[in-house]
Amino acid sequence: MEEAIREKLRREALLKALKDTAGILPAEEYPEWETSDKTATWVRESRRIQWHRRPRLWVFAVYADS
């Protein structure tokens, strides 16, 4: 029962966050998010770019801690 209540509260908090932030980004400034297909392409490209950068950032982090 406790788990079900926690899950319901979590969902309500997420829904509130979505409602509170809906429309804060002007659509004309983010054409890559215009459709679900464009958004999926943007996500894939972002992940591809991050994957290529990750090793360099990791090396920098290792040397920065030295």
PDB file of N, CA and C in Angstrom:
ATOM      1  N   MET A   1       0.816  -1.194   0.000  1.00  0.00           N
ATOM      2  CA  MET A   1       0.000   0.000   0.000  1.00  0.00           C
ATOM      3  C   MET A   1       0.866   1.266   0.000  1.00  0.00           C
ATOM      4  N   GLU A   2       1.902   1.263   0.831  1.00  0.00           N
ATOM      5  CA  GLU A   2       2.790   2.420   0.912  1.00  0.00           C
ATOM      6  C   GLU A   2       3.446   2.689  -0.443  1.00  0.00           C
ATOM      7  N   GLU A   3       3.868   1.641  -1.119  1.00  0.00           N
ATOM      8  CA  GLU A   3       4.508   1.790  -2.427  1.00  0.00           C
ATOM      9  C   GLU A   3       3.542   2.410  -3.445  1.00  0.00           C
ATOM     10  N   ALA A   4       2.286   1.988  -3.414  1.00  0.00           N
ATOM     11  CA  ALA A   4       1.280   2.535  -4.331  1.00  0.00           C
ATOM     12  C   ALA A   4       1.054   4.024  -4.071  1.00  0.00           C
ATOM     13  N   ILE A   5       1.048   4.412  -2.812  1.00  0.00           N
ATOM     14  CA  ILE A   5       0.864   5.825  -2.463  1.00  0.00           C
ATOM     15  C   ILE A   5       2.052   6.646  -2.944  1.00  0.00           C
ATOM     16  N   ARG A   6       3.261   6.116  -2.718  1.00  0.00           N
ATOM     17  CA  ARG A   6       4.468   6.815  -3.176  1.00  0.00           C
ATOM     18  C   ARG A   6       4.447   7.000  -4.695  1.00  0.00           C
ATOM     19  N   GLU A   7       4.053   5.955  -5.408  1.00  0.00           N
ATOM     20  CA  GLU A   7       4.001   6.022  -6.869  1.00  0.00           C
ATOM     21  C   GLU A   7       2.971   7.056  -7.322  1.00  0.00           C
ATOM     22  N   LYS A   8       1.824   7.088  -6.676  1.00  0.00           N
ATOM     23  CA  LYS A   8       0.788   8.071  -7.028  1.00  0.00           C
ATOM     24  C   LYS A   8       1.292   9.492  -6.768  1.00  0.00           C
ATOM     25  N   LEU A   9       1.947   9.708  -5.644  1.00  0.00           N
ATOM     26  CA  LEU A   9       2.485  11.032  -5.336  1.00  0.00           C
ATOM     27  C   LEU A   9       3.563  11.433  -6.339  1.00  0.00           C
ATOM     28  N   ARG A  10       4.387  10.469  -6.726  1.00  0.00           N
ATOM     29  CA  ARG A  10       5.434  10.741  -7.715  1.00  0.00           C
ATOM     30  C   ARG A  10       4.809  11.161  -9.043  1.00  0.00           C
ATOM     31  N   ARG A  11       3.791  10.427  -9.482  1.00  0.00           N
ATOM     32  CA  ARG A  11       3.111  10.755 -10.740  1.00  0.00           C
ATOM     33  C   ARG A  11       2.447  12.125 -10.671  1.00  0.00           C
ATOM     34  N   GLU A  12       1.833  12.439  -9.540  1.00  0.00           N
ATOM     35  CA  GLU A  12       1.195  13.747  -9.378  1.00  0.00           C
ATOM     36  C   GLU A  12       2.225  14.873  -9.423  1.00  0.00           C
ATOM     37  N   ALA A  13       3.386  14.649  -8.814  1.00  0.00           N
ATOM     38  CA  ALA A  13       4.448  15.657  -8.834  1.00  0.00           C
ATOM     39  C   ALA A  13       4.967  15.861 -10.259  1.00  0.00           C
ATOM     40  N   LEU A  14       5.125  14.773 -11.005  1.00  0.00           N
ATOM     41  CA  LEU A  14       5.578  14.887 -12.390  1.00  0.00           C
ATOM     42  C   LEU A  14       4.549  15.620 -13.249  1.00  0.00           C
ATOM     43  N   LEU A  15       3.284  15.304 -13.060  1.00  0.00           N
ATOM     44  CA  LEU A  15       2.225  15.970 -13.812  1.00  0.00           C
ATOM     45  C   LEU A  15       2.197  17.465 -13.505  1.00  0.00           C
ATOM     46  N   LYS A  16       2.357  17.814 -12.236  1.00  0.00           N
ATOM     47  CA  LYS A  16       2.392  19.228 -11.853  1.00  0.00           C
ATOM     48  C   LYS A  16       3.576  19.932 -12.512  1.00  0.00           C
ATOM     49  N   ALA A  17       4.737  19.284 -12.515  1.00  0.00           N
ATOM     50  CA  ALA A  17       5.920  19.872 -13.146  1.00  0.00           C
ATOM     51  C   ALA A  17       5.684  20.090 -14.640  1.00  0.00           C
ATOM     52  N   LEU A  18       5.056  19.130 -15.289  1.00  0.00           N
ATOM     53  CA  LEU A  18       4.750  19.281 -16.717  1.00  0.00           C
ATOM     54  C   LEU A  18       3.795  20.442 -16.959  1.00  0.00           C
ATOM     55  N   LYS A  19       2.761  20.537 -16.142  1.00  0.00           N
ATOM     56  CA  LYS A  19       1.790  21.628 -16.295  1.00  0.00           C
ATOM     57  C   LYS A  19       2.437  22.985 -16.015  1.00  0.00           C
ATOM     58  N   ASP A  20       3.275  23.041 -14.984  1.00  0.00           N
ATOM     59  CA  ASP A  20       3.916  24.303 -14.605  1.00  0.00           C
ATOM     60  C   ASP A  20       4.895  24.797 -15.665  1.00  0.00           C
ATOM     61  N   THR A  21       5.505  23.892 -16.405  1.00  0.00           N
ATOM     62  CA  THR A  21       6.529  24.279 -17.371  1.00  0.00           C
ATOM     63  C   THR A  21       6.051  24.239 -18.818  1.00  0.00           C
ATOM     64  N   ALA A  22       4.828  23.840 -19.052  1.00  0.00           N
ATOM     65  CA  ALA A  22       4.294  23.778 -20.422  1.00  0.00           C
ATOM     66  C   ALA A  22       4.339  25.158 -21.066  1.00  0.00           C
ATOM     67  N   GLY A  23       4.906  25.213 -22.251  1.00  0.00           N
ATOM     68  CA  GLY A  23       4.929  26.456 -23.014  1.00  0.00           C
ATOM     69  C   GLY A  23       6.031  27.433 -22.674  1.00  0.00           C
ATOM     70  N   ILE A  24       6.980  27.068 -21.820  1.00  0.00           N
ATOM     71  CA  ILE A  24       8.025  28.029 -21.451  1.00  0.00           C
ATOM     72  C   ILE A  24       9.073  28.208 -22.546  1.00  0.00           C
ATOM     73  N   LEU A  25       9.172  27.241 -23.458  1.00  0.00           N
ATOM     74  CA  LEU A  25      10.113  27.354 -24.570  1.00  0.00           C
ATOM     75  C   LEU A  25       9.344  27.740 -25.828  1.00  0.00           C
ATOM     76  N   PRO A  26       9.701  28.859 -26.446  1.00  0.00           N
ATOM     77  CA  PRO A  26       8.998  29.262 -27.661  1.00  0.00           C
ATOM     78  C   PRO A  26       9.241  28.250 -28.789  1.00  0.00           C
ATOM     79  N   ALA A  27       8.177  27.746 -29.373  1.00  0.00           N
ATOM     80  CA  ALA A  27       8.272  26.707 -30.404  1.00  0.00           C
ATOM     81  C   ALA A  27       9.120  27.152 -31.589  1.00  0.00           C
ATOM     82  N   GLU A  28       9.051  28.416 -31.959  1.00  0.00           N
ATOM     83  CA  GLU A  28       9.815  28.876 -33.124  1.00  0.00           C
ATOM     84  C   GLU A  28      11.325  28.842 -32.888  1.00  0.00           C
ATOM     85  N   GLU A  29      11.755  28.817 -31.644  1.00  0.00           N
ATOM     86  CA  GLU A  29      13.187  28.742 -31.345  1.00  0.00           C
ATOM     87  C   GLU A  29      13.713  27.309 -31.311  1.00  0.00           C
ATOM     88  N   TYR A  30      12.809  26.332 -31.337  1.00  0.00           N
ATOM     89  CA  TYR A  30      13.203  24.930 -31.243  1.00  0.00           C
ATOM     90  C   TYR A  30      12.508  24.095 -32.315  1.00  0.00           C
ATOM     91  N   PRO A  31      12.795  24.358 -33.598  1.00  0.00           N
ATOM     92  CA  PRO A  31      12.130  23.612 -34.670  1.00  0.00           C
ATOM     93  C   PRO A  31      12.469  22.126 -34.647  1.00  0.00           C
ATOM     94  N   GLU A  32      13.589  21.765 -34.033  1.00  0.00           N
ATOM     95  CA  GLU A  32      13.973  20.350 -33.960  1.00  0.00           C
ATOM     96  C   GLU A  32      13.054  19.552 -33.036  1.00  0.00           C
ATOM     97  N   TRP A  33      12.220  20.228 -32.268  1.00  0.00           N
ATOM     98  CA  TRP A  33      11.266  19.548 -31.375  1.00  0.00           C
ATOM     99  C   TRP A  33       9.831  19.676 -31.879  1.00  0.00           C
ATOM    100  N   GLU A  34       9.676  20.112 -33.123  1.00  0.00           N
ATOM    101  CA  GLU A  34       8.355  20.389 -33.688  1.00  0.00           C
ATOM    102  C   GLU A  34       7.457  19.154 -33.780  1.00  0.00           C
ATOM    103  N   THR A  35       8.039  18.025 -34.140  1.00  0.00           N
ATOM    104  CA  THR A  35       7.272  16.779 -34.246  1.00  0.00           C
ATOM    105  C   THR A  35       7.993  15.689 -33.471  1.00  0.00           C
ATOM    106  N   SER A  36       7.310  14.594 -33.220  1.00  0.00           N
ATOM    107  CA  SER A  36       7.962  13.493 -32.499  1.00  0.00           C
ATOM    108  C   SER A  36       9.092  12.898 -33.336  1.00  0.00           C
ATOM    109  N   ASP A  37       8.945  12.866 -34.664  1.00  0.00           N
ATOM    110  CA  ASP A  37      10.025  12.359 -35.521  1.00  0.00           C
ATOM    111  C   ASP A  37      11.257  13.258 -35.451  1.00  0.00           C
ATOM    112  N   LYS A  38      11.043  14.571 -35.521  1.00  0.00           N
ATOM    113  CA  LYS A  38      12.168  15.504 -35.423  1.00  0.00           C
ATOM    114  C   LYS A  38      12.829  15.411 -34.047  1.00  0.00           C
ATOM    115  N   THR A  39      12.022  15.257 -33.021  1.00  0.00           N
ATOM    116  CA  THR A  39      12.558  15.136 -31.667  1.00  0.00           C
ATOM    117  C   THR A  39      13.394  13.875 -31.532  1.00  0.00           C
ATOM    118  N   ALA A  40      12.906  12.763 -32.067  1.00  0.00           N
ATOM    119  CA  ALA A  40      13.654  11.501 -32.007  1.00  0.00           C
ATOM    120  C   ALA A  40      14.985  11.636 -32.735  1.00  0.00           C
ATOM    121  N   THR A  41      14.987  12.300 -33.885  1.00  0.00           N
ATOM    122  CA  THR A  41      16.233  12.532 -34.625  1.00  0.00           C
ATOM    123  C   THR A  41      17.180  13.386 -33.801  1.00  0.00           C
ATOM    124  N   TRP A  42      16.659  14.429 -33.176  1.00  0.00           N
ATOM    125  CA  TRP A  42      17.479  15.306 -32.341  1.00  0.00           C
ATOM    126  C   TRP A  42      18.092  14.538 -31.167  1.00  0.00           C
ATOM    127  N   VAL A  43      17.299  13.683 -30.527  1.00  0.00           N
ATOM    128  CA  VAL A  43      17.795  12.885 -29.398  1.00  0.00           C
ATOM    129  C   VAL A  43      18.908  11.952 -29.868  1.00  0.00           C
ATOM    130  N   ARG A  44      18.681  11.249 -30.979  1.00  0.00           N
ATOM    131  CA  ARG A  44      19.709  10.332 -31.497  1.00  0.00           C
ATOM    132  C   ARG A  44      21.001  11.073 -31.805  1.00  0.00           C
ATOM    133  N   GLU A  45      20.892  12.216 -32.466  1.00  0.00           N
ATOM    134  CA  GLU A  45      22.074  12.998 -32.816  1.00  0.00           C
ATOM    135  C   GLU A  45      22.778  13.511 -31.554  1.00  0.00           C
ATOM    136  N   SER A  46      22.013  13.971 -30.585  1.00  0.00           N
ATOM    137  CA  SER A  46      22.607  14.449 -29.330  1.00  0.00           C
ATOM    138  C   SER A  46      23.357  13.334 -28.619  1.00  0.00           C
ATOM    139  N   ARG A  47      22.772  12.161 -28.594  1.00  0.00           N
ATOM    140  CA  ARG A  47      23.435  11.023 -27.951  1.00  0.00           C
ATOM    141  C   ARG A  47      24.694  10.627 -28.708  1.00  0.00           C
ATOM    142  N   ARG A  48      24.649  10.679 -30.034  1.00  0.00           N
ATOM    143  CA  ARG A  48      25.821  10.331 -30.841  1.00  0.00           C
ATOM    144  C   ARG A  48      26.955  11.308 -30.549  1.00  0.00           C
ATOM    145  N   ILE A  49      26.643  12.579 -30.495  1.00  0.00           N
ATOM    146  CA  ILE A  49      27.657  13.593 -30.210  1.00  0.00           C
ATOM    147  C   ILE A  49      28.216  13.391 -28.805  1.00  0.00           C
ATOM    148  N   GLN A  50      27.360  13.163 -27.827  1.00  0.00           N
ATOM    149  CA  GLN A  50      27.814  12.952 -26.455  1.00  0.00           C
ATOM    150  C   GLN A  50      28.704  11.723 -26.358  1.00  0.00           C
ATOM    151  N   TRP A  51      28.371  10.665 -27.095  1.00  0.00           N
ATOM    152  CA  TRP A  51      29.173   9.443 -27.042  1.00  0.00           C
ATOM    153  C   TRP A  51      30.589   9.719 -27.516  1.00  0.00           C
ATOM    154  N   HIS A  52      30.724  10.529 -28.581  1.00  0.00           N
ATOM    155  CA  HIS A  52      32.052  10.836 -29.105  1.00  0.00           C
ATOM    156  C   HIS A  52      32.834  11.742 -28.163  1.00  0.00           C
ATOM    157  N   ARG A  53      32.162  12.573 -27.419  1.00  0.00           N
ATOM    158  CA  ARG A  53      32.845  13.488 -26.495  1.00  0.00           C
ATOM    159  C   ARG A  53      33.180  12.835 -25.164  1.00  0.00           C
ATOM    160  N   ARG A  54      32.462  11.825 -24.782  1.00  0.00           N
ATOM    161  CA  ARG A  54      32.606  11.228 -23.457  1.00  0.00           C
ATOM    162  C   ARG A  54      34.047  10.819 -23.127  1.00  0.00           C
ATOM    163  N   PRO A  55      34.752  10.112 -24.005  1.00  0.00           N
ATOM    164  CA  PRO A  55      36.116   9.698 -23.635  1.00  0.00           C
ATOM    165  C   PRO A  55      37.030  10.885 -23.333  1.00  0.00           C
ATOM    166  N   ARG A  56      36.933  11.956 -24.123  1.00  0.00           N
ATOM    167  CA  ARG A  56      37.784  13.120 -23.882  1.00  0.00           C
ATOM    168  C   ARG A  56      37.443  13.786 -22.552  1.00  0.00           C
ATOM    169  N   LEU A  57      36.174  13.872 -22.241  1.00  0.00           N
ATOM    170  CA  LEU A  57      35.781  14.471 -20.967  1.00  0.00           C
ATOM    171  C   LEU A  57      36.264  13.626 -19.801  1.00  0.00           C
ATOM    172  N   TRP A  58      36.203  12.304 -19.952  1.00  0.00           N
ATOM    173  CA  TRP A  58      36.667  11.410 -18.904  1.00  0.00           C
ATOM    174  C   TRP A  58      38.160  11.598 -18.675  1.00  0.00           C
ATOM    175  N   VAL A  59      38.932  11.684 -19.756  1.00  0.00           N
ATOM    176  CA  VAL A  59      40.382  11.876 -19.626  1.00  0.00           C
ATOM    177  C   VAL A  59      40.650  13.202 -18.933  1.00  0.00           C
ATOM    178  N   PHE A  60      39.926  14.247 -19.311  1.00  0.00           N
ATOM    179  CA  PHE A  60      40.103  15.540 -18.670  1.00  0.00           C
ATOM    180  C   PHE A  60      39.799  15.434 -17.182  1.00  0.00           C
ATOM    181  N   ALA A  61      38.745  14.732 -16.828  1.00  0.00           N
ATOM    182  CA  ALA A  61      38.372  14.592 -15.423  1.00  0.00           C
ATOM    183  C   ALA A  61      39.454  13.861 -14.641  1.00  0.00           C
ATOM    184  N   VAL A  62      40.056  12.852 -15.252  1.00  0.00           N
ATOM    185  CA  VAL A  62      41.111  12.097 -14.577  1.00  0.00           C
ATOM    186  C   VAL A  62      42.306  12.998 -14.311  1.00  0.00           C
ATOM    187  N   TYR A  63      42.725  13.763 -15.327  1.00  0.00           N
ATOM    188  CA  TYR A  63      43.879  14.634 -15.150  1.00  0.00           C
ATOM    189  C   TYR A  63      43.570  15.819 -14.242  1.00  0.00           C
ATOM    190  N   ALA A  64      42.349  16.290 -14.271  1.00  0.00           N
ATOM    191  CA  ALA A  64      41.968  17.428 -13.435  1.00  0.00           C
ATOM    192  C   ALA A  64      42.022  17.057 -11.956  1.00  0.00           C
ATOM    193  N   ASP A  65      41.756  15.790 -11.641  1.00  0.00           N
ATOM    194  CA  ASP A  65      41.782  15.349 -10.250  1.00  0.00           C
ATOM    195  C   ASP A  65      43.194  15.070  -9.749  1.00  0.00           C
ATOM    196  N   SER A  66      44.154  14.993 -10.642  1.00  0.00           N
ATOM    197  CA  SER A  66      45.530  14.640 -10.254  1.00  0.00           C
ATOM    198  C   SER A  66      46.219  15.769  -9.534  1.00  0.00           C
TER     199      SER A  66
END
